[in-house]
Amino acid sequence: MAQIVQAKIQRWGNGLGLRVAGLIRDIPHFTPDSVVEVEVFEDGFTVRKAKQSHRQLPFSEAELLTGLTSDTAQAGLLAHPTAAEIDN
């Protein structure tokens, strides 16, 4: 559903800002800390939610667990929960 909304670009600190409120916020379901992509053109720009990228981690779970035993896991360094932290 496309809507045309007029907004005003205003001075914001040393730059310019466009307030993301009302339909500009609600239709795309923007929330604080939303990651967006901004495509810039000669006569304006388009803002879209950023596509979530699948992050490739340096090690697989299997690689991290290779050679791990109760002796090498350093379980003695784990904190012990207090009585208030345990559900009774």
PDB file of N, CA and C in Angstrom:
ATOM      1  N   MET A   1       0.845  -1.163   0.000  1.00  0.00           N
ATOM      2  CA  MET A   1       0.000   0.000   0.000  1.00  0.00           C
ATOM      3  C   MET A   1       0.897   1.234   0.000  1.00  0.00           C
ATOM      4  N   ALA A   2       0.830   2.012  -1.039  1.00  0.00           N
ATOM      5  CA  ALA A   2       1.660   3.207  -1.148  1.00  0.00           C
ATOM      6  C   ALA A   2       0.843   4.437  -0.774  1.00  0.00           C
ATOM      7  N   GLN A   3       1.436   5.307  -0.036  1.00  0.00           N
ATOM      8  CA  GLN A   3       0.827   6.574   0.367  1.00  0.00           C
ATOM      9  C   GLN A   3       1.828   7.676   0.056  1.00  0.00           C
ATOM     10  N   ILE A   4       1.321   8.818  -0.362  1.00  0.00           N
ATOM     11  CA  ILE A   4       2.186   9.979  -0.547  1.00  0.00           C
ATOM     12  C   ILE A   4       1.985  10.880   0.660  1.00  0.00           C
ATOM     13  N   VAL A   5       3.073  11.176   1.341  1.00  0.00           N
ATOM     14  CA  VAL A   5       3.037  11.990   2.550  1.00  0.00           C
ATOM     15  C   VAL A   5       3.993  13.155   2.354  1.00  0.00           C
ATOM     16  N   GLN A   6       3.531  14.366   2.619  1.00  0.00           N
ATOM     17  CA  GLN A   6       4.427  15.515   2.553  1.00  0.00           C
ATOM     18  C   GLN A   6       5.087  15.695   3.908  1.00  0.00           C
ATOM     19  N   ALA A   7       6.375  15.934   3.879  1.00  0.00           N
ATOM     20  CA  ALA A   7       7.134  16.167   5.099  1.00  0.00           C
ATOM     21  C   ALA A   7       8.119  17.288   4.824  1.00  0.00           C
ATOM     22  N   LYS A   8       8.668  17.850   5.859  1.00  0.00           N
ATOM     23  CA  LYS A   8       9.593  18.967   5.720  1.00  0.00           C
ATOM     24  C   LYS A   8      10.967  18.551   6.232  1.00  0.00           C
ATOM     25  N   ILE A   9      11.977  18.775   5.419  1.00  0.00           N
ATOM     26  CA  ILE A   9      13.359  18.533   5.837  1.00  0.00           C
ATOM     27  C   ILE A   9      13.810  19.763   6.614  1.00  0.00           C
ATOM     28  N   GLN A  10      14.312  19.529   7.827  1.00  0.00           N
ATOM     29  CA  GLN A  10      14.691  20.631   8.701  1.00  0.00           C
ATOM     30  C   GLN A  10      16.132  20.472   9.170  1.00  0.00           C
ATOM     31  N   ARG A  11      16.680  21.581   9.657  1.00  0.00           N
ATOM     32  CA  ARG A  11      18.032  21.551  10.201  1.00  0.00           C
ATOM     33  C   ARG A  11      18.031  20.664  11.440  1.00  0.00           C
ATOM     34  N   TRP A  12      19.031  19.790  11.541  1.00  0.00           N
ATOM     35  CA  TRP A  12      19.152  18.876  12.675  1.00  0.00           C
ATOM     36  C   TRP A  12      20.629  18.824  13.032  1.00  0.00           C
ATOM     37  N   GLY A  13      21.028  19.578  14.039  1.00  0.00           N
ATOM     38  CA  GLY A  13      22.451  19.676  14.364  1.00  0.00           C
ATOM     39  C   GLY A  13      23.184  20.340  13.217  1.00  0.00           C
ATOM     40  N   ASN A  14      24.268  19.717  12.759  1.00  0.00           N
ATOM     41  CA  ASN A  14      25.025  20.242  11.624  1.00  0.00           C
ATOM     42  C   ASN A  14      24.500  19.732  10.295  1.00  0.00           C
ATOM     43  N   GLY A  15      23.458  18.909  10.324  1.00  0.00           N
ATOM     44  CA  GLY A  15      22.933  18.333   9.091  1.00  0.00           C
ATOM     45  C   GLY A  15      21.471  18.671   8.903  1.00  0.00           C
ATOM     46  N   LEU A  16      20.827  17.864   8.080  1.00  0.00           N
ATOM     47  CA  LEU A  16      19.405  18.002   7.824  1.00  0.00           C
ATOM     48  C   LEU A  16      18.716  16.728   8.258  1.00  0.00           C
ATOM     49  N   GLY A  17      17.468  16.837   8.688  1.00  0.00           N
ATOM     50  CA  GLY A  17      16.747  15.658   9.152  1.00  0.00           C
ATOM     51  C   GLY A  17      15.326  15.629   8.632  1.00  0.00           C
ATOM     52  N   LEU A  18      14.812  14.439   8.516  1.00  0.00           N
ATOM     53  CA  LEU A  18      13.426  14.202   8.135  1.00  0.00           C
ATOM     54  C   LEU A  18      12.814  13.389   9.256  1.00  0.00           C
ATOM     55  N   ARG A  19      11.822  13.925   9.920  1.00  0.00           N
ATOM     56  CA  ARG A  19      11.216  13.237  11.061  1.00  0.00           C
ATOM     57  C   ARG A  19      10.432  12.027  10.566  1.00  0.00           C
ATOM     58  N   VAL A  20      10.720  10.872  11.150  1.00  0.00           N
ATOM     59  CA  VAL A  20      10.040   9.625  10.785  1.00  0.00           C
ATOM     60  C   VAL A  20       8.919   9.427  11.798  1.00  0.00           C
ATOM     61  N   ALA A  21       7.730   9.898  11.444  1.00  0.00           N
ATOM     62  CA  ALA A  21       6.580   9.827  12.348  1.00  0.00           C
ATOM     63  C   ALA A  21       5.331   9.508  11.531  1.00  0.00           C
ATOM     64  N   GLY A  22       4.258   9.198  12.217  1.00  0.00           N
ATOM     65  CA  GLY A  22       2.982   8.958  11.554  1.00  0.00           C
ATOM     66  C   GLY A  22       3.065   7.825  10.549  1.00  0.00           C
ATOM     67  N   LEU A  23       2.500   8.057   9.368  1.00  0.00           N
ATOM     68  CA  LEU A  23       2.475   7.019   8.329  1.00  0.00           C
ATOM     69  C   LEU A  23       3.875   6.635   7.867  1.00  0.00           C
ATOM     70  N   ILE A  24       4.803   7.603   7.882  1.00  0.00           N
ATOM     71  CA  ILE A  24       6.179   7.306   7.458  1.00  0.00           C
ATOM     72  C   ILE A  24       6.790   6.248   8.372  1.00  0.00           C
ATOM     73  N   ARG A  25       6.401   6.237   9.621  1.00  0.00           N
ATOM     74  CA  ARG A  25       6.878   5.251  10.594  1.00  0.00           C
ATOM     75  C   ARG A  25       5.990   4.012  10.616  1.00  0.00           C
ATOM     76  N   ASP A  26       4.678   4.216  10.574  1.00  0.00           N
ATOM     77  CA  ASP A  26       3.733   3.123  10.823  1.00  0.00           C
ATOM     78  C   ASP A  26       3.596   2.130   9.675  1.00  0.00           C
ATOM     79  N   ILE A  27       3.497   2.609   8.446  1.00  0.00           N
ATOM     80  CA  ILE A  27       3.278   1.686   7.320  1.00  0.00           C
ATOM     81  C   ILE A  27       4.440   0.707   7.158  1.00  0.00           C
ATOM     82  N   PRO A  28       5.707   1.162   7.173  1.00  0.00           N
ATOM     83  CA  PRO A  28       6.807   0.180   7.076  1.00  0.00           C
ATOM     84  C   PRO A  28       7.174  -0.468   8.413  1.00  0.00           C
ATOM     85  N   HIS A  29       6.450  -0.120   9.476  1.00  0.00           N
ATOM     86  CA  HIS A  29       6.702  -0.689  10.811  1.00  0.00           C
ATOM     87  C   HIS A  29       8.120  -0.384  11.303  1.00  0.00           C
ATOM     88  N   PHE A  30       8.563   0.865  11.110  1.00  0.00           N
ATOM     89  CA  PHE A  30       9.855   1.276  11.643  1.00  0.00           C
ATOM     90  C   PHE A  30       9.754   1.432  13.156  1.00  0.00           C
ATOM     91  N   THR A  31      10.797   1.039  13.844  1.00  0.00           N
ATOM     92  CA  THR A  31      10.890   1.183  15.289  1.00  0.00           C
ATOM     93  C   THR A  31      12.241   1.821  15.604  1.00  0.00           C
ATOM     94  N   PRO A  32      12.436   2.294  16.834  1.00  0.00           N
ATOM     95  CA  PRO A  32      13.767   2.810  17.170  1.00  0.00           C
ATOM     96  C   PRO A  32      14.828   1.742  16.881  1.00  0.00           C
ATOM     97  N   ASP A  33      15.936   2.156  16.352  1.00  0.00           N
ATOM     98  CA  ASP A  33      17.066   1.291  15.994  1.00  0.00           C
ATOM     99  C   ASP A  33      16.799   0.412  14.781  1.00  0.00           C
ATOM    100  N   SER A  34      15.740   0.699  13.998  1.00  0.00           N
ATOM    101  CA  SER A  34      15.531  -0.038  12.744  1.00  0.00           C
ATOM    102  C   SER A  34      16.720   0.218  11.826  1.00  0.00           C
ATOM    103  N   VAL A  35      17.232  -0.830  11.226  1.00  0.00           N
ATOM    104  CA  VAL A  35      18.328  -0.697  10.265  1.00  0.00           C
ATOM    105  C   VAL A  35      17.697  -0.515   8.892  1.00  0.00           C
ATOM    106  N   VAL A  36      18.128   0.510   8.176  1.00  0.00           N
ATOM    107  CA  VAL A  36      17.543   0.824   6.876  1.00  0.00           C
ATOM    108  C   VAL A  36      18.632   0.955   5.822  1.00  0.00           C
ATOM    109  N   GLU A  37      18.208   0.829   4.572  1.00  0.00           N
ATOM    110  CA  GLU A  37      19.071   1.121   3.424  1.00  0.00           C
ATOM    111  C   GLU A  37      18.529   2.383   2.778  1.00  0.00           C
ATOM    112  N   VAL A  38      19.410   3.301   2.436  1.00  0.00           N
ATOM    113  CA  VAL A  38      18.998   4.543   1.792  1.00  0.00           C
ATOM    114  C   VAL A  38      19.584   4.550   0.389  1.00  0.00           C
ATOM    115  N   GLU A  39      18.707   4.589  -0.604  1.00  0.00           N
ATOM    116  CA  GLU A  39      19.136   4.659  -2.004  1.00  0.00           C
ATOM    117  C   GLU A  39      19.013   6.119  -2.429  1.00  0.00           C
ATOM    118  N   VAL A  40      20.118   6.717  -2.861  1.00  0.00           N
ATOM    119  CA  VAL A  40      20.159   8.147  -3.140  1.00  0.00           C
ATOM    120  C   VAL A  40      20.124   8.384  -4.646  1.00  0.00           C
ATOM    121  N   PHE A  41      19.278   9.315  -5.056  1.00  0.00           N
ATOM    122  CA  PHE A  41      19.133   9.716  -6.451  1.00  0.00           C
ATOM    123  C   PHE A  41      19.435  11.207  -6.562  1.00  0.00           C
ATOM    124  N   GLU A  42      19.535  11.692  -7.777  1.00  0.00           N
ATOM    125  CA  GLU A  42      19.784  13.114  -8.014  1.00  0.00           C
ATOM    126  C   GLU A  42      18.652  13.977  -7.439  1.00  0.00           C
ATOM    127  N   ASP A  43      17.428  13.468  -7.476  1.00  0.00           N
ATOM    128  CA  ASP A  43      16.277  14.275  -7.045  1.00  0.00           C
ATOM    129  C   ASP A  43      15.637  13.796  -5.739  1.00  0.00           C
ATOM    130  N   GLY A  44      16.316  12.925  -4.987  1.00  0.00           N
ATOM    131  CA  GLY A  44      15.747  12.479  -3.725  1.00  0.00           C
ATOM    132  C   GLY A  44      16.375  11.184  -3.250  1.00  0.00           C
ATOM    133  N   PHE A  45      15.653  10.474  -2.417  1.00  0.00           N
ATOM    134  CA  PHE A  45      16.159   9.206  -1.898  1.00  0.00           C
ATOM    135  C   PHE A  45      14.997   8.314  -1.502  1.00  0.00           C
ATOM    136  N   THR A  46      15.286   7.020  -1.403  1.00  0.00           N
ATOM    137  CA  THR A  46      14.311   6.029  -0.968  1.00  0.00           C
ATOM    138  C   THR A  46      14.879   5.325   0.258  1.00  0.00           C
ATOM    139  N   VAL A  47      14.054   5.159   1.277  1.00  0.00           N
ATOM    140  CA  VAL A  47      14.463   4.478   2.506  1.00  0.00           C
ATOM    141  C   VAL A  47      13.697   3.173   2.597  1.00  0.00           C
ATOM    142  N   ARG A  48      14.408   2.071   2.777  1.00  0.00           N
ATOM    143  CA  ARG A  48      13.786   0.754   2.920  1.00  0.00           C
ATOM    144  C   ARG A  48      14.412   0.037   4.105  1.00  0.00           C
ATOM    145  N   LYS A  49      13.627  -0.859   4.709  1.00  0.00           N
ATOM    146  CA  LYS A  49      14.196  -1.710   5.749  1.00  0.00           C
ATOM    147  C   LYS A  49      15.340  -2.507   5.145  1.00  0.00           C
ATOM    148  N   ALA A  50      16.421  -2.629   5.886  1.00  0.00           N
ATOM    149  CA  ALA A  50      17.562  -3.409   5.406  1.00  0.00           C
ATOM    150  C   ALA A  50      17.204  -4.884   5.458  1.00  0.00           C
ATOM    151  N   LYS A  51      17.619  -5.599   4.446  1.00  0.00           N
ATOM    152  CA  LYS A  51      17.411  -7.044   4.441  1.00  0.00           C
ATOM    153  C   LYS A  51      18.375  -7.660   5.438  1.00  0.00           C
ATOM    154  N   GLN A  52      17.873  -8.589   6.227  1.00  0.00           N
ATOM    155  CA  GLN A  52      18.740  -9.253   7.193  1.00  0.00           C
ATOM    156  C   GLN A  52      19.707 -10.149   6.443  1.00  0.00           C
ATOM    157  N   SER A  53      20.974  -9.916   6.687  1.00  0.00           N
ATOM    158  CA  SER A  53      21.978 -10.743   6.028  1.00  0.00           C
ATOM    159  C   SER A  53      22.365 -11.886   6.956  1.00  0.00           C
ATOM    160  N   HIS A  54      22.602 -13.030   6.364  1.00  0.00           N
ATOM    161  CA  HIS A  54      23.039 -14.188   7.143  1.00  0.00           C
ATOM    162  C   HIS A  54      24.525 -14.017   7.402  1.00  0.00           C
ATOM    163  N   ARG A  55      24.879 -13.901   8.645  1.00  0.00           N
ATOM    164  CA  ARG A  55      26.273 -13.661   9.020  1.00  0.00           C
ATOM    165  C   ARG A  55      27.023 -14.982   9.108  1.00  0.00           C
ATOM    166  N   GLN A  56      28.115 -15.076   8.399  1.00  0.00           N
ATOM    167  CA  GLN A  56      28.952 -16.270   8.413  1.00  0.00           C
ATOM    168  C   GLN A  56      29.920 -16.173   9.582  1.00  0.00           C
ATOM    169  N   LEU A  57      29.755 -17.054  10.539  1.00  0.00           N
ATOM    170  CA  LEU A  57      30.637 -17.063  11.701  1.00  0.00           C
ATOM    171  C   LEU A  57      31.941 -17.787  11.371  1.00  0.00           C
ATOM    172  N   PRO A  58      33.043 -17.440  12.041  1.00  0.00           N
ATOM    173  CA  PRO A  58      34.334 -18.031  11.692  1.00  0.00           C
ATOM    174  C   PRO A  58      34.461 -19.510  12.038  1.00  0.00           C
ATOM    175  N   PHE A  59      33.669 -20.011  12.994  1.00  0.00           N
ATOM    176  CA  PHE A  59      33.754 -21.411  13.394  1.00  0.00           C
ATOM    177  C   PHE A  59      32.356 -21.995  13.481  1.00  0.00           C
ATOM    178  N   SER A  60      32.233 -23.271  13.146  1.00  0.00           N
ATOM    179  CA  SER A  60      30.956 -23.961  13.327  1.00  0.00           C
ATOM    180  C   SER A  60      30.850 -24.413  14.781  1.00  0.00           C
ATOM    181  N   GLU A  61      29.648 -24.779  15.194  1.00  0.00           N
ATOM    182  CA  GLU A  61      29.461 -25.270  16.559  1.00  0.00           C
ATOM    183  C   GLU A  61      30.297 -26.527  16.791  1.00  0.00           C
ATOM    184  N   ALA A  62      30.337 -27.402  15.790  1.00  0.00           N
ATOM    185  CA  ALA A  62      31.110 -28.641  15.919  1.00  0.00           C
ATOM    186  C   ALA A  62      32.594 -28.339  16.117  1.00  0.00           C
ATOM    187  N   GLU A  63      33.121 -27.344  15.381  1.00  0.00           N
ATOM    188  CA  GLU A  63      34.533 -26.983  15.530  1.00  0.00           C
ATOM    189  C   GLU A  63      34.818 -26.423  16.927  1.00  0.00           C
ATOM    190  N   LEU A  64      33.882 -25.653  17.463  1.00  0.00           N
ATOM    191  CA  LEU A  64      34.076 -25.092  18.802  1.00  0.00           C
ATOM    192  C   LEU A  64      34.065 -26.167  19.877  1.00  0.00           C
ATOM    193  N   LEU A  65      33.300 -27.232  19.660  1.00  0.00           N
ATOM    194  CA  LEU A  65      33.178 -28.289  20.660  1.00  0.00           C
ATOM    195  C   LEU A  65      34.228 -29.384  20.522  1.00  0.00           C
ATOM    196  N   THR A  66      34.994 -29.373  19.436  1.00  0.00           N
ATOM    197  CA  THR A  66      36.013 -30.388  19.222  1.00  0.00           C
ATOM    198  C   THR A  66      37.026 -30.366  20.364  1.00  0.00           C
ATOM    199  N   GLY A  67      37.231 -31.517  20.980  1.00  0.00           N
ATOM    200  CA  GLY A  67      38.206 -31.646  22.052  1.00  0.00           C
ATOM    201  C   GLY A  67      37.741 -31.116  23.394  1.00  0.00           C
ATOM    202  N   LEU A  68      36.504 -30.669  23.480  1.00  0.00           N
ATOM    203  CA  LEU A  68      35.998 -30.134  24.743  1.00  0.00           C
ATOM    204  C   LEU A  68      35.531 -31.263  25.646  1.00  0.00           C
ATOM    205  N   THR A  69      36.084 -31.317  26.826  1.00  0.00           N
ATOM    206  CA  THR A  69      35.692 -32.318  27.820  1.00  0.00           C
ATOM    207  C   THR A  69      35.382 -31.596  29.126  1.00  0.00           C
ATOM    208  N   SER A  70      34.928 -32.331  30.119  1.00  0.00           N
ATOM    209  CA  SER A  70      34.657 -31.705  31.418  1.00  0.00           C
ATOM    210  C   SER A  70      35.941 -31.160  32.037  1.00  0.00           C
ATOM    211  N   ASP A  71      37.085 -31.708  31.652  1.00  0.00           N
ATOM    212  CA  ASP A  71      38.360 -31.216  32.179  1.00  0.00           C
ATOM    213  C   ASP A  71      38.822 -29.945  31.478  1.00  0.00           C
ATOM    214  N   THR A  72      38.460 -29.806  30.196  1.00  0.00           N
ATOM    215  CA  THR A  72      38.935 -28.650  29.430  1.00  0.00           C
ATOM    216  C   THR A  72      37.905 -27.533  29.337  1.00  0.00           C
ATOM    217  N   ALA A  73      36.709 -27.742  29.845  1.00  0.00           N
ATOM    218  CA  ALA A  73      35.639 -26.750  29.721  1.00  0.00           C
ATOM    219  C   ALA A  73      35.737 -25.624  30.736  1.00  0.00           C
ATOM    220  N   GLN A  74      36.618 -25.732  31.696  1.00  0.00           N
ATOM    221  CA  GLN A  74      36.806 -24.729  32.737  1.00  0.00           C
ATOM    222  C   GLN A  74      35.514 -24.471  33.506  1.00  0.00           C
ATOM    223  N   ALA A  75      34.795 -25.547  33.816  1.00  0.00           N
ATOM    224  CA  ALA A  75      33.535 -25.432  34.549  1.00  0.00           C
ATOM    225  C   ALA A  75      33.740 -24.823  35.925  1.00  0.00           C
ATOM    226  N   GLY A  76      34.927 -24.941  36.476  1.00  0.00           N
ATOM    227  CA  GLY A  76      35.203 -24.362  37.782  1.00  0.00           C
ATOM    228  C   GLY A  76      35.164 -22.845  37.784  1.00  0.00           C
ATOM    229  N   LEU A  77      35.239 -22.229  36.609  1.00  0.00           N
ATOM    230  CA  LEU A  77      35.212 -20.774  36.526  1.00  0.00           C
ATOM    231  C   LEU A  77      33.795 -20.221  36.427  1.00  0.00           C
ATOM    232  N   LEU A  78      32.802 -21.095  36.312  1.00  0.00           N
ATOM    233  CA  LEU A  78      31.424 -20.636  36.205  1.00  0.00           C
ATOM    234  C   LEU A  78      30.943 -20.082  37.538  1.00  0.00           C
ATOM    235  N   ALA A  79      30.127 -19.052  37.481  1.00  0.00           N
ATOM    236  CA  ALA A  79      29.545 -18.472  38.698  1.00  0.00           C
ATOM    237  C   ALA A  79      28.437 -19.381  39.196  1.00  0.00           C
ATOM    238  N   HIS A  80      28.299 -19.462  40.482  1.00  0.00           N
ATOM    239  CA  HIS A  80      27.234 -20.266  41.075  1.00  0.00           C
ATOM    240  C   HIS A  80      26.035 -19.362  41.334  1.00  0.00           C
ATOM    241  N   PRO A  81      24.833 -19.780  40.924  1.00  0.00           N
ATOM    242  CA  PRO A  81      23.655 -18.932  41.124  1.00  0.00           C
ATOM    243  C   PRO A  81      23.325 -18.776  42.606  1.00  0.00           C
ATOM    244  N   THR A  82      22.805 -17.618  42.936  1.00  0.00           N
ATOM    245  CA  THR A  82      22.360 -17.385  44.309  1.00  0.00           C
ATOM    246  C   THR A  82      20.963 -17.962  44.476  1.00  0.00           C
ATOM    247  N   ALA A  83      20.504 -18.081  45.713  1.00  0.00           N
ATOM    248  CA  ALA A  83      19.175 -18.632  45.987  1.00  0.00           C
ATOM    249  C   ALA A  83      18.091 -17.799  45.314  1.00  0.00           C
ATOM    250  N   ALA A  84      18.280 -16.494  45.229  1.00  0.00           N
ATOM    251  CA  ALA A  84      17.286 -15.617  44.609  1.00  0.00           C
ATOM    252  C   ALA A  84      17.181 -15.852  43.104  1.00  0.00           C
ATOM    253  N   GLU A  85      18.231 -16.392  42.490  1.00  0.00           N
ATOM    254  CA  GLU A  85      18.235 -16.621  41.049  1.00  0.00           C
ATOM    255  C   GLU A  85      17.635 -17.962  40.660  1.00  0.00           C
ATOM    256  N   ILE A  86      17.403 -18.823  41.618  1.00  0.00           N
ATOM    257  CA  ILE A  86      16.892 -20.164  41.332  1.00  0.00           C
ATOM    258  C   ILE A  86      15.398 -20.185  41.589  1.00  0.00           C
ATOM    259  N   ASP A  87      14.629 -20.664  40.594  1.00  0.00           N
ATOM    260  CA  ASP A  87      13.180 -20.810  40.760  1.00  0.00           C
ATOM    261  C   ASP A  87      12.909 -22.005  41.649  1.00  0.00           C
ATOM    262  N   ASN A  88      12.147 -21.818  42.671  1.00  0.00           N
ATOM    263  CA  ASN A  88      11.780 -22.922  43.565  1.00  0.00           C
ATOM    264  C   ASN A  88      10.377 -23.390  43.276  1.00  0.00           C
TER     265      ASN A  88
END
